[in-house]
Amino acid sequence: MDYGELLSATFRISWRAKYLWLFGLFALSLDGCNPSSSSYQFSGDGGGTDSFAGGIDFLAGNWGWLLALGLVLFVLGFLLFALSVVMTAGLVAGADEAYRGVEGTGARRSWRRGLERFWPLLGLLLLLMMAGLLALLVFGLMAAVAVFVFLQSFDVSGSAVVALVGLGVLLALALIPFLVVLQIVVSWSARSLILDGTGVFASLGRGWRLFRARTGSSLLVWALNLGLSIAVGLILAIPAIALAIPLILAIGFGEDQGAWLIPLVVLGGLVLGAVALLLKAVLTTFFSTYWTIAYRKLQEGPAESS
């Protein structure tokens, strides 16, 4: 594979087919390209039994409204997830058609392609989610049993704890090659499902066979993706730090910040939010296009000798 041409084609399509950015804004990450995560923090004032009783009374008096609110949030969350599935399939299909020079490409055509592959892609994602939850449950139970047996069989000491932690780290490191292969196979399988019209289980089989036939190239595609992700992270960190330092200094050493600090924080939050959404759209489009073009190139090339 010509990796220079792979990168140039990815940059060219990601820049010229800007309608794909809309799909990238809502699309899910099939390729491990820095998915965003959210954390929630809950705090209380330690109100004790009075606060607890007040909470019970509030729930009893407003359970209907709370149930309706929960139902609305569930429906909205499901609709947003469904939209993300359609956008994910549309992004892959749109990038593939732009790469192959198909006539009449555009947002409408990509949207239709996404709708066509909605149910198969949803099935694949749900299957992967269930498999991941099952794997976490199994490994969690195995780890709990191992820790219990260890504590019952050996004296708990500093060296024993260090040995147990070290064993856990070694096992985690041993899982890395498996996770890398899994990520690659999932990427190829999703594109087989979206672009070639295969079913859920057939796409997994085809993704595995493509990885086995082109193992070296697949691993190089993954390694180049990792390098690009690190480079993008470093590039984005520099202006973020440069923008954060003046604000931190103003808060720490400024006087009478109340009059101007609140509107400054609100304005800064709006600007950063808009920039974050734009970056999410562009980066998701770029990395998804990168894997889509790589998939097509691997299909075209000969199998590698083992």
C-alpha atoms as a PDB file:
ATOM      1  CA  MET A   1       0.000   0.000   0.000  1.00  0.00           C
ATOM      2  CA  ASP A   2       1.144   3.516  -0.806  1.00  0.00           C
ATOM      3  CA  TYR A   3       0.697   5.185   2.601  1.00  0.00           C
ATOM      4  CA  GLY A   4       1.630   8.605   1.264  1.00  0.00           C
ATOM      5  CA  GLU A   5      -1.209   8.380  -1.261  1.00  0.00           C
ATOM      6  CA  LEU A   6      -3.502   7.124   1.517  1.00  0.00           C
ATOM      7  CA  LEU A   7      -2.819  10.231   3.586  1.00  0.00           C
ATOM      8  CA  SER A   8      -3.039  12.628   0.638  1.00  0.00           C
ATOM      9  CA  ALA A   9      -6.369  11.132  -0.466  1.00  0.00           C
ATOM     10  CA  THR A  10      -7.676  11.377   3.110  1.00  0.00           C
ATOM     11  CA  PHE A  11      -6.690  15.042   3.397  1.00  0.00           C
ATOM     12  CA  ARG A  12      -8.099  15.815  -0.054  1.00  0.00           C
ATOM     13  CA  ILE A  13     -11.506  14.223   0.532  1.00  0.00           C
ATOM     14  CA  SER A  14     -11.838  15.519   4.100  1.00  0.00           C
ATOM     15  CA  TRP A  15     -11.233  19.067   2.862  1.00  0.00           C
ATOM     16  CA  ARG A  16     -13.168  19.056  -0.397  1.00  0.00           C
ATOM     17  CA  ALA A  17     -16.224  17.079   0.726  1.00  0.00           C
ATOM     18  CA  LYS A  18     -17.087  19.421   3.585  1.00  0.00           C
ATOM     19  CA  TYR A  19     -20.656  18.120   3.725  1.00  0.00           C
ATOM     20  CA  LEU A  20     -19.142  15.093   5.431  1.00  0.00           C
ATOM     21  CA  TRP A  21     -18.304  17.315   8.410  1.00  0.00           C
ATOM     22  CA  LEU A  22     -21.999  17.372   9.313  1.00  0.00           C
ATOM     23  CA  PHE A  23     -21.959  13.577   9.405  1.00  0.00           C
ATOM     24  CA  GLY A  24     -18.723  13.616  11.387  1.00  0.00           C
ATOM     25  CA  LEU A  25     -20.326  15.905  13.985  1.00  0.00           C
ATOM     26  CA  PHE A  26     -22.906  13.269  14.918  1.00  0.00           C
ATOM     27  CA  ALA A  27     -21.115  10.071  13.859  1.00  0.00           C
ATOM     28  CA  LEU A  28     -19.876   7.468  16.294  1.00  0.00           C
ATOM     29  CA  SER A  29     -16.217   6.502  16.343  1.00  0.00           C
ATOM     30  CA  LEU A  30     -15.703   3.041  14.847  1.00  0.00           C
ATOM     31  CA  ASP A  31     -11.925   3.337  14.794  1.00  0.00           C
ATOM     32  CA  GLY A  32     -10.836   4.488  18.262  1.00  0.00           C
ATOM     33  CA  CYS A  33     -10.012   8.029  17.084  1.00  0.00           C
ATOM     34  CA  ASN A  34     -10.161   9.835  20.429  1.00  0.00           C
ATOM     35  CA  PRO A  35     -13.846   9.490  21.302  1.00  0.00           C
ATOM     36  CA  SER A  36     -15.058  12.109  23.739  1.00  0.00           C
ATOM     37  CA  SER A  37     -16.008  11.132  27.265  1.00  0.00           C
ATOM     38  CA  SER A  38     -18.057  12.796  29.921  1.00  0.00           C
ATOM     39  CA  SER A  39     -17.734  12.701  33.687  1.00  0.00           C
ATOM     40  CA  TYR A  40     -20.336  13.645  36.194  1.00  0.00           C
ATOM     41  CA  GLN A  41     -19.712  14.708  39.763  1.00  0.00           C
ATOM     42  CA  PHE A  42     -22.332  14.653  42.463  1.00  0.00           C
ATOM     43  CA  SER A  43     -21.963  16.427  45.759  1.00  0.00           C
ATOM     44  CA  GLY A  44     -24.171  16.921  48.781  1.00  0.00           C
ATOM     45  CA  ASP A  45     -24.284  19.138  51.792  1.00  0.00           C
ATOM     46  CA  GLY A  46     -24.639  16.285  54.291  1.00  0.00           C
ATOM     47  CA  GLY A  47     -28.150  17.312  55.279  1.00  0.00           C
ATOM     48  CA  GLY A  48     -28.772  13.961  56.998  1.00  0.00           C
ATOM     49  CA  THR A  49     -32.221  12.485  57.605  1.00  0.00           C
ATOM     50  CA  ASP A  50     -34.052  15.783  57.043  1.00  0.00           C
ATOM     51  CA  SER A  51     -32.706  16.066  53.514  1.00  0.00           C
ATOM     52  CA  PHE A  52     -33.490  12.388  52.864  1.00  0.00           C
ATOM     53  CA  ALA A  53     -37.055  12.792  54.119  1.00  0.00           C
ATOM     54  CA  GLY A  54     -37.482  15.919  52.050  1.00  0.00           C
ATOM     55  CA  GLY A  55     -36.275  14.050  48.991  1.00  0.00           C
ATOM     56  CA  ILE A  56     -38.783  11.241  49.602  1.00  0.00           C
ATOM     57  CA  ASP A  57     -41.612  13.754  49.947  1.00  0.00           C
ATOM     58  CA  PHE A  58     -40.540  15.475  46.726  1.00  0.00           C
ATOM     59  CA  LEU A  59     -40.489  12.167  44.835  1.00  0.00           C
ATOM     60  CA  ALA A  60     -43.879  11.162  46.224  1.00  0.00           C
ATOM     61  CA  GLY A  61     -45.456  14.453  45.256  1.00  0.00           C
ATOM     62  CA  ASN A  62     -43.909  14.742  41.775  1.00  0.00           C
ATOM     63  CA  TRP A  63     -43.401  11.148  40.619  1.00  0.00           C
ATOM     64  CA  GLY A  64     -45.615  11.682  37.573  1.00  0.00           C
ATOM     65  CA  TRP A  65     -43.626  14.657  36.299  1.00  0.00           C
ATOM     66  CA  LEU A  66     -40.329  12.901  37.036  1.00  0.00           C
ATOM     67  CA  LEU A  67     -41.465   9.777  35.186  1.00  0.00           C
ATOM     68  CA  ALA A  68     -42.528  11.871  32.205  1.00  0.00           C
ATOM     69  CA  LEU A  69     -39.203  13.723  32.241  1.00  0.00           C
ATOM     70  CA  GLY A  70     -37.284  10.454  32.379  1.00  0.00           C
ATOM     71  CA  LEU A  71     -39.313   9.075  29.473  1.00  0.00           C
ATOM     72  CA  VAL A  72     -38.690  12.201  27.395  1.00  0.00           C
ATOM     73  CA  LEU A  73     -34.944  12.052  28.104  1.00  0.00           C
ATOM     74  CA  PHE A  74     -34.876   8.354  27.180  1.00  0.00           C
ATOM     75  CA  VAL A  75     -36.675   8.988  23.884  1.00  0.00           C
ATOM     76  CA  LEU A  76     -34.393  11.923  23.053  1.00  0.00           C
ATOM     77  CA  GLY A  77     -31.316   9.851  23.887  1.00  0.00           C
ATOM     78  CA  PHE A  78     -32.507   6.987  21.688  1.00  0.00           C
ATOM     79  CA  LEU A  79     -33.277   9.346  18.798  1.00  0.00           C
ATOM     80  CA  LEU A  80     -29.832  10.931  19.124  1.00  0.00           C
ATOM     81  CA  PHE A  81     -28.201   7.487  19.142  1.00  0.00           C
ATOM     82  CA  ALA A  82     -30.239   6.444  16.087  1.00  0.00           C
ATOM     83  CA  LEU A  83     -29.185   9.646  14.318  1.00  0.00           C
ATOM     84  CA  SER A  84     -25.555   8.875  15.179  1.00  0.00           C
ATOM     85  CA  VAL A  85     -25.864   5.390  13.646  1.00  0.00           C
ATOM     86  CA  VAL A  86     -27.294   6.811  10.414  1.00  0.00           C
ATOM     87  CA  MET A  87     -24.617   9.512  10.301  1.00  0.00           C
ATOM     88  CA  THR A  88     -21.880   6.939  10.915  1.00  0.00           C
ATOM     89  CA  ALA A  89     -22.992   4.806   7.981  1.00  0.00           C
ATOM     90  CA  GLY A  90     -23.503   7.897   5.821  1.00  0.00           C
ATOM     91  CA  LEU A  91     -20.013   9.190   6.618  1.00  0.00           C
ATOM     92  CA  VAL A  92     -18.364   5.917   5.612  1.00  0.00           C
ATOM     93  CA  ALA A  93     -20.466   5.581   2.446  1.00  0.00           C
ATOM     94  CA  GLY A  94     -19.953   9.236   1.470  1.00  0.00           C
ATOM     95  CA  ALA A  95     -16.181   9.084   1.913  1.00  0.00           C
ATOM     96  CA  ASP A  96     -16.016   5.864  -0.109  1.00  0.00           C
ATOM     97  CA  GLU A  97     -18.003   7.338  -3.006  1.00  0.00           C
ATOM     98  CA  ALA A  98     -15.920  10.520  -2.958  1.00  0.00           C
ATOM     99  CA  TYR A  99     -12.760   8.396  -3.086  1.00  0.00           C
ATOM    100  CA  ARG A 100     -14.057   6.302  -5.998  1.00  0.00           C
ATOM    101  CA  GLY A 101     -15.260   9.393  -7.873  1.00  0.00           C
ATOM    102  CA  VAL A 102     -18.940   8.413  -7.961  1.00  0.00           C
ATOM    103  CA  GLU A 103     -21.108  10.988  -9.708  1.00  0.00           C
ATOM    104  CA  GLY A 104     -23.815  12.813  -7.776  1.00  0.00           C
ATOM    105  CA  THR A 105     -22.235  12.516  -4.331  1.00  0.00           C
ATOM    106  CA  GLY A 106     -23.511  14.842  -1.658  1.00  0.00           C
ATOM    107  CA  ALA A 107     -25.207  15.087   1.708  1.00  0.00           C
ATOM    108  CA  ARG A 108     -28.567  13.745   0.483  1.00  0.00           C
ATOM    109  CA  ARG A 109     -27.019  10.680  -1.131  1.00  0.00           C
ATOM    110  CA  SER A 110     -24.879   9.970   1.946  1.00  0.00           C
ATOM    111  CA  TRP A 111     -27.963  10.337   4.164  1.00  0.00           C
ATOM    112  CA  ARG A 112     -29.866   7.817   2.030  1.00  0.00           C
ATOM    113  CA  ARG A 113     -26.953   5.390   2.179  1.00  0.00           C
ATOM    114  CA  GLY A 114     -26.875   5.789   5.946  1.00  0.00           C
ATOM    115  CA  LEU A 115     -30.592   5.023   6.219  1.00  0.00           C
ATOM    116  CA  GLU A 116     -30.160   1.925   4.050  1.00  0.00           C
ATOM    117  CA  ARG A 117     -27.566   0.434   6.398  1.00  0.00           C
ATOM    118  CA  PHE A 118     -29.107   1.643   9.669  1.00  0.00           C
ATOM    119  CA  TRP A 119     -30.502  -1.641  10.936  1.00  0.00           C
ATOM    120  CA  PRO A 120     -27.471  -3.838  10.081  1.00  0.00           C
ATOM    121  CA  LEU A 121     -25.066  -1.310  11.634  1.00  0.00           C
ATOM    122  CA  LEU A 122     -27.303  -0.981  14.706  1.00  0.00           C
ATOM    123  CA  GLY A 123     -27.255  -4.765  15.052  1.00  0.00           C
ATOM    124  CA  LEU A 124     -23.465  -4.841  14.809  1.00  0.00           C
ATOM    125  CA  LEU A 125     -23.080  -2.092  17.418  1.00  0.00           C
ATOM    126  CA  LEU A 126     -25.508  -3.762  19.830  1.00  0.00           C
ATOM    127  CA  LEU A 127     -23.723  -7.086  19.382  1.00  0.00           C
ATOM    128  CA  LEU A 128     -20.375  -5.460  20.146  1.00  0.00           C
ATOM    129  CA  MET A 129     -21.833  -3.676  23.184  1.00  0.00           C
ATOM    130  CA  MET A 130     -23.260  -6.902  24.603  1.00  0.00           C
ATOM    131  CA  ALA A 131     -19.990  -8.731  23.955  1.00  0.00           C
ATOM    132  CA  GLY A 132     -18.061  -5.956  25.687  1.00  0.00           C
ATOM    133  CA  LEU A 133     -20.354  -5.972  28.721  1.00  0.00           C
ATOM    134  CA  LEU A 134     -20.127  -9.761  28.949  1.00  0.00           C
ATOM    135  CA  ALA A 135     -16.330  -9.627  28.723  1.00  0.00           C
ATOM    136  CA  LEU A 136     -16.184  -6.981  31.473  1.00  0.00           C
ATOM    137  CA  LEU A 137     -18.439  -9.095  33.675  1.00  0.00           C
ATOM    138  CA  VAL A 138     -16.368 -12.242  33.149  1.00  0.00           C
ATOM    139  CA  PHE A 139     -13.023 -10.505  33.709  1.00  0.00           C
ATOM    140  CA  GLY A 140     -14.413  -8.662  36.716  1.00  0.00           C
ATOM    141  CA  LEU A 141     -15.575 -11.907  38.333  1.00  0.00           C
ATOM    142  CA  MET A 142     -12.251 -13.601  37.539  1.00  0.00           C
ATOM    143  CA  ALA A 143     -10.335 -10.686  39.057  1.00  0.00           C
ATOM    144  CA  ALA A 144     -12.526 -10.702  42.179  1.00  0.00           C
ATOM    145  CA  VAL A 145     -12.035 -14.459  42.639  1.00  0.00           C
ATOM    146  CA  ALA A 146      -8.281 -14.152  42.089  1.00  0.00           C
ATOM    147  CA  VAL A 147      -7.984 -11.363  44.668  1.00  0.00           C
ATOM    148  CA  PHE A 148     -10.108 -13.297  47.173  1.00  0.00           C
ATOM    149  CA  VAL A 149      -8.015 -16.469  46.778  1.00  0.00           C
ATOM    150  CA  PHE A 150      -4.803 -14.460  47.020  1.00  0.00           C
ATOM    151  CA  LEU A 151      -5.899 -12.761  50.233  1.00  0.00           C
ATOM    152  CA  GLN A 152      -7.001 -16.049  51.749  1.00  0.00           C
ATOM    153  CA  SER A 153      -3.827 -17.929  50.793  1.00  0.00           C
ATOM    154  CA  PHE A 154      -1.101 -15.386  51.538  1.00  0.00           C
ATOM    155  CA  ASP A 155      -0.321 -12.942  54.281  1.00  0.00           C
ATOM    156  CA  VAL A 156      -1.281  -9.416  53.326  1.00  0.00           C
ATOM    157  CA  SER A 157       1.899  -7.373  53.271  1.00  0.00           C
ATOM    158  CA  GLY A 158       3.406  -4.583  51.285  1.00  0.00           C
ATOM    159  CA  SER A 159       5.343  -6.929  49.029  1.00  0.00           C
ATOM    160  CA  ALA A 160       2.271  -9.100  48.456  1.00  0.00           C
ATOM    161  CA  VAL A 161       0.194  -6.098  47.414  1.00  0.00           C
ATOM    162  CA  VAL A 162       2.958  -4.934  45.075  1.00  0.00           C
ATOM    163  CA  ALA A 163       3.120  -8.425  43.554  1.00  0.00           C
ATOM    164  CA  LEU A 164      -0.648  -8.485  43.055  1.00  0.00           C
ATOM    165  CA  VAL A 165      -0.657  -5.042  41.444  1.00  0.00           C
ATOM    166  CA  GLY A 166       2.268  -6.011  39.236  1.00  0.00           C
ATOM    167  CA  LEU A 167       0.438  -9.137  38.090  1.00  0.00           C
ATOM    168  CA  GLY A 168      -2.600  -7.038  37.228  1.00  0.00           C
ATOM    169  CA  VAL A 169      -0.465  -4.630  35.210  1.00  0.00           C
ATOM    170  CA  LEU A 170       1.143  -7.514  33.299  1.00  0.00           C
ATOM    171  CA  LEU A 171      -2.253  -9.001  32.475  1.00  0.00           C
ATOM    172  CA  ALA A 172      -3.488  -5.600  31.299  1.00  0.00           C
ATOM    173  CA  LEU A 173      -0.428  -5.216  29.057  1.00  0.00           C
ATOM    174  CA  ALA A 174      -1.031  -8.704  27.670  1.00  0.00           C
ATOM    175  CA  LEU A 175      -4.503  -7.597  26.583  1.00  0.00           C
ATOM    176  CA  ILE A 176      -3.176  -4.722  24.460  1.00  0.00           C
ATOM    177  CA  PRO A 177      -2.363  -6.831  21.343  1.00  0.00           C
ATOM    178  CA  PHE A 178      -5.810  -8.431  21.542  1.00  0.00           C
ATOM    179  CA  LEU A 179      -7.499  -5.030  21.771  1.00  0.00           C
ATOM    180  CA  VAL A 180      -5.480  -3.710  18.812  1.00  0.00           C
ATOM    181  CA  VAL A 181      -6.505  -6.657  16.644  1.00  0.00           C
ATOM    182  CA  LEU A 182     -10.107  -6.297  17.815  1.00  0.00           C
ATOM    183  CA  GLN A 183     -10.166  -2.611  16.875  1.00  0.00           C
ATOM    184  CA  ILE A 184      -8.816  -3.345  13.396  1.00  0.00           C
ATOM    185  CA  VAL A 185     -11.252  -6.216  12.791  1.00  0.00           C
ATOM    186  CA  VAL A 186     -14.191  -4.083  13.941  1.00  0.00           C
ATOM    187  CA  SER A 187     -13.123  -1.281  11.573  1.00  0.00           C
ATOM    188  CA  TRP A 188     -12.908  -3.635   8.595  1.00  0.00           C
ATOM    189  CA  SER A 189     -16.147  -5.398   9.575  1.00  0.00           C
ATOM    190  CA  ALA A 190     -18.127  -2.158   9.836  1.00  0.00           C
ATOM    191  CA  ARG A 191     -16.970  -1.073   6.390  1.00  0.00           C
ATOM    192  CA  SER A 192     -17.786  -4.463   4.928  1.00  0.00           C
ATOM    193  CA  LEU A 193     -21.282  -4.138   6.374  1.00  0.00           C
ATOM    194  CA  ILE A 194     -21.805  -0.551   5.158  1.00  0.00           C
ATOM    195  CA  LEU A 195     -20.047  -0.636   1.779  1.00  0.00           C
ATOM    196  CA  ASP A 196     -20.452  -4.244   0.649  1.00  0.00           C
ATOM    197  CA  GLY A 197     -23.891  -4.963   2.106  1.00  0.00           C
ATOM    198  CA  THR A 198     -22.891  -7.959   4.227  1.00  0.00           C
ATOM    199  CA  GLY A 199     -24.856  -9.028   7.293  1.00  0.00           C
ATOM    200  CA  VAL A 200     -23.767  -8.633  10.891  1.00  0.00           C
ATOM    201  CA  PHE A 201     -22.042 -11.989  11.364  1.00  0.00           C
ATOM    202  CA  ALA A 202     -20.849 -12.167   7.746  1.00  0.00           C
ATOM    203  CA  SER A 203     -19.205  -8.773   8.129  1.00  0.00           C
ATOM    204  CA  LEU A 204     -17.329  -9.925  11.236  1.00  0.00           C
ATOM    205  CA  GLY A 205     -16.088 -12.958   9.342  1.00  0.00           C
ATOM    206  CA  ARG A 206     -15.015 -10.854   6.379  1.00  0.00           C
ATOM    207  CA  GLY A 207     -13.262  -8.345   8.647  1.00  0.00           C
ATOM    208  CA  TRP A 208     -11.299 -11.149  10.304  1.00  0.00           C
ATOM    209  CA  ARG A 209     -10.358 -12.719   6.960  1.00  0.00           C
ATOM    210  CA  LEU A 210      -9.164  -9.365   5.605  1.00  0.00           C
ATOM    211  CA  PHE A 211      -7.020  -8.858   8.696  1.00  0.00           C
ATOM    212  CA  ARG A 212      -5.501 -12.332   8.341  1.00  0.00           C
ATOM    213  CA  ALA A 213      -4.822 -11.837   4.622  1.00  0.00           C
ATOM    214  CA  ARG A 214      -3.291  -8.361   5.111  1.00  0.00           C
ATOM    215  CA  THR A 215      -1.979  -8.533   8.687  1.00  0.00           C
ATOM    216  CA  GLY A 216       1.138  -6.427   8.187  1.00  0.00           C
ATOM    217  CA  SER A 217      -0.637  -3.675   6.255  1.00  0.00           C
ATOM    218  CA  SER A 218      -3.519  -3.647   8.762  1.00  0.00           C
ATOM    219  CA  LEU A 219      -1.112  -3.192  11.667  1.00  0.00           C
ATOM    220  CA  LEU A 220       0.716  -0.402   9.818  1.00  0.00           C
ATOM    221  CA  VAL A 221      -2.594   1.351   9.144  1.00  0.00           C
ATOM    222  CA  TRP A 222      -3.373   1.143  12.868  1.00  0.00           C
ATOM    223  CA  ALA A 223       0.123   2.371  13.853  1.00  0.00           C
ATOM    224  CA  LEU A 224      -0.104   5.324  11.473  1.00  0.00           C
ATOM    225  CA  ASN A 225      -3.538   6.153  12.901  1.00  0.00           C
ATOM    226  CA  LEU A 226      -2.035   6.106  16.404  1.00  0.00           C
ATOM    227  CA  GLY A 227       0.804   8.399  15.342  1.00  0.00           C
ATOM    228  CA  LEU A 228      -1.602  10.830  13.708  1.00  0.00           C
ATOM    229  CA  SER A 229      -3.806  10.850  16.828  1.00  0.00           C
ATOM    230  CA  ILE A 230      -0.836  11.652  19.074  1.00  0.00           C
ATOM    231  CA  ALA A 231       0.371  14.378  16.706  1.00  0.00           C
ATOM    232  CA  VAL A 232      -3.090  15.969  16.567  1.00  0.00           C
ATOM    233  CA  GLY A 233      -3.341  15.845  20.366  1.00  0.00           C
ATOM    234  CA  LEU A 234       0.001  17.608  20.769  1.00  0.00           C
ATOM    235  CA  ILE A 235      -0.853  20.227  18.155  1.00  0.00           C
ATOM    236  CA  LEU A 236      -4.186  21.012  19.830  1.00  0.00           C
ATOM    237  CA  ALA A 237      -2.633  21.095  23.309  1.00  0.00           C
ATOM    238  CA  ILE A 238      -0.295  23.997  22.464  1.00  0.00           C
ATOM    239  CA  PRO A 239      -2.962  26.639  21.674  1.00  0.00           C
ATOM    240  CA  ALA A 240      -5.181  25.323  24.485  1.00  0.00           C
ATOM    241  CA  ILE A 241      -2.420  25.895  27.025  1.00  0.00           C
ATOM    242  CA  ALA A 242      -1.572  29.272  25.496  1.00  0.00           C
ATOM    243  CA  LEU A 243      -5.185  30.382  25.851  1.00  0.00           C
ATOM    244  CA  ALA A 244      -5.574  29.001  29.360  1.00  0.00           C
ATOM    245  CA  ILE A 245      -2.504  30.687  30.882  1.00  0.00           C
ATOM    246  CA  PRO A 246      -3.749  34.321  30.573  1.00  0.00           C
ATOM    247  CA  LEU A 247      -7.136  33.386  32.044  1.00  0.00           C
ATOM    248  CA  ILE A 248      -5.517  31.558  34.972  1.00  0.00           C
ATOM    249  CA  LEU A 249      -3.223  34.502  35.646  1.00  0.00           C
ATOM    250  CA  ALA A 250      -6.130  36.940  35.482  1.00  0.00           C
ATOM    251  CA  ILE A 251      -8.144  34.888  37.955  1.00  0.00           C
ATOM    252  CA  GLY A 252      -5.213  34.353  40.302  1.00  0.00           C
ATOM    253  CA  PHE A 253      -3.680  37.809  40.357  1.00  0.00           C
ATOM    254  CA  GLY A 254      -6.363  40.169  39.104  1.00  0.00           C
ATOM    255  CA  GLU A 255      -8.337  42.400  41.407  1.00  0.00           C
ATOM    256  CA  ASP A 256     -12.085  42.871  41.474  1.00  0.00           C
ATOM    257  CA  GLN A 257     -12.702  40.185  38.854  1.00  0.00           C
ATOM    258  CA  GLY A 258     -16.419  39.888  39.553  1.00  0.00           C
ATOM    259  CA  ALA A 259     -17.512  42.613  37.126  1.00  0.00           C
ATOM    260  CA  TRP A 260     -15.843  41.139  34.071  1.00  0.00           C
ATOM    261  CA  LEU A 261     -14.926  37.550  34.927  1.00  0.00           C
ATOM    262  CA  ILE A 262     -18.419  36.071  34.546  1.00  0.00           C
ATOM    263  CA  PRO A 263     -19.100  37.392  31.009  1.00  0.00           C
ATOM    264  CA  LEU A 264     -15.527  36.485  30.036  1.00  0.00           C
ATOM    265  CA  VAL A 265     -16.016  32.892  31.227  1.00  0.00           C
ATOM    266  CA  VAL A 266     -19.399  32.636  29.466  1.00  0.00           C
ATOM    267  CA  LEU A 267     -17.976  34.004  26.210  1.00  0.00           C
ATOM    268  CA  GLY A 268     -14.921  31.777  26.482  1.00  0.00           C
ATOM    269  CA  GLY A 269     -17.120  28.753  27.138  1.00  0.00           C
ATOM    270  CA  LEU A 270     -19.250  29.465  24.061  1.00  0.00           C
ATOM    271  CA  VAL A 271     -16.203  29.926  21.859  1.00  0.00           C
ATOM    272  CA  LEU A 272     -14.502  26.792  23.192  1.00  0.00           C
ATOM    273  CA  GLY A 273     -17.721  24.808  22.781  1.00  0.00           C
ATOM    274  CA  ALA A 274     -18.064  25.872  19.149  1.00  0.00           C
ATOM    275  CA  VAL A 275     -14.403  25.086  18.469  1.00  0.00           C
ATOM    276  CA  ALA A 276     -14.751  21.682  20.160  1.00  0.00           C
ATOM    277  CA  LEU A 277     -17.756  20.789  17.993  1.00  0.00           C
ATOM    278  CA  LEU A 278     -15.931  21.857  14.837  1.00  0.00           C
ATOM    279  CA  LEU A 279     -12.864  19.830  15.802  1.00  0.00           C
ATOM    280  CA  LYS A 280     -15.014  16.813  16.577  1.00  0.00           C
ATOM    281  CA  ALA A 281     -16.670  17.031  13.164  1.00  0.00           C
ATOM    282  CA  VAL A 282     -13.415  17.500  11.244  1.00  0.00           C
ATOM    283  CA  LEU A 283     -11.368  14.894  13.136  1.00  0.00           C
ATOM    284  CA  THR A 284     -14.078  12.234  13.034  1.00  0.00           C
ATOM    285  CA  THR A 285     -14.453  12.844   9.301  1.00  0.00           C
ATOM    286  CA  PHE A 286     -10.707  12.639   8.750  1.00  0.00           C
ATOM    287  CA  PHE A 287     -10.070   9.427  10.687  1.00  0.00           C
ATOM    288  CA  SER A 288     -13.187   7.682   9.386  1.00  0.00           C
ATOM    289  CA  THR A 289     -12.187   8.597   5.823  1.00  0.00           C
ATOM    290  CA  TYR A 290      -8.659   7.364   6.514  1.00  0.00           C
ATOM    291  CA  TRP A 291      -9.907   3.907   7.537  1.00  0.00           C
ATOM    292  CA  THR A 292     -12.423   3.787   4.686  1.00  0.00           C
ATOM    293  CA  ILE A 293      -9.795   4.469   2.033  1.00  0.00           C
ATOM    294  CA  ALA A 294      -7.410   2.012   3.704  1.00  0.00           C
ATOM    295  CA  TYR A 295     -10.160  -0.637   3.560  1.00  0.00           C
ATOM    296  CA  ARG A 296     -10.618  -0.110  -0.165  1.00  0.00           C
ATOM    297  CA  LYS A 297      -6.875  -0.210  -0.794  1.00  0.00           C
ATOM    298  CA  LEU A 298      -6.443  -3.440   1.164  1.00  0.00           C
ATOM    299  CA  GLN A 299      -9.263  -5.034  -0.808  1.00  0.00           C
ATOM    300  CA  GLU A 300      -7.537  -4.102  -4.048  1.00  0.00           C
ATOM    301  CA  GLY A 301      -4.090  -5.390  -3.049  1.00  0.00           C
ATOM    302  CA  PRO A 302      -2.840  -8.984  -3.043  1.00  0.00           C
ATOM    303  CA  ALA A 303      -2.880 -11.116   0.092  1.00  0.00           C
ATOM    304  CA  GLU A 304       0.313 -11.169   2.140  1.00  0.00           C
ATOM    305  CA  SER A 305       2.331 -14.340   2.548  1.00  0.00           C
ATOM    306  CA  SER A 306       2.357 -15.700   6.086  1.00  0.00           C
END
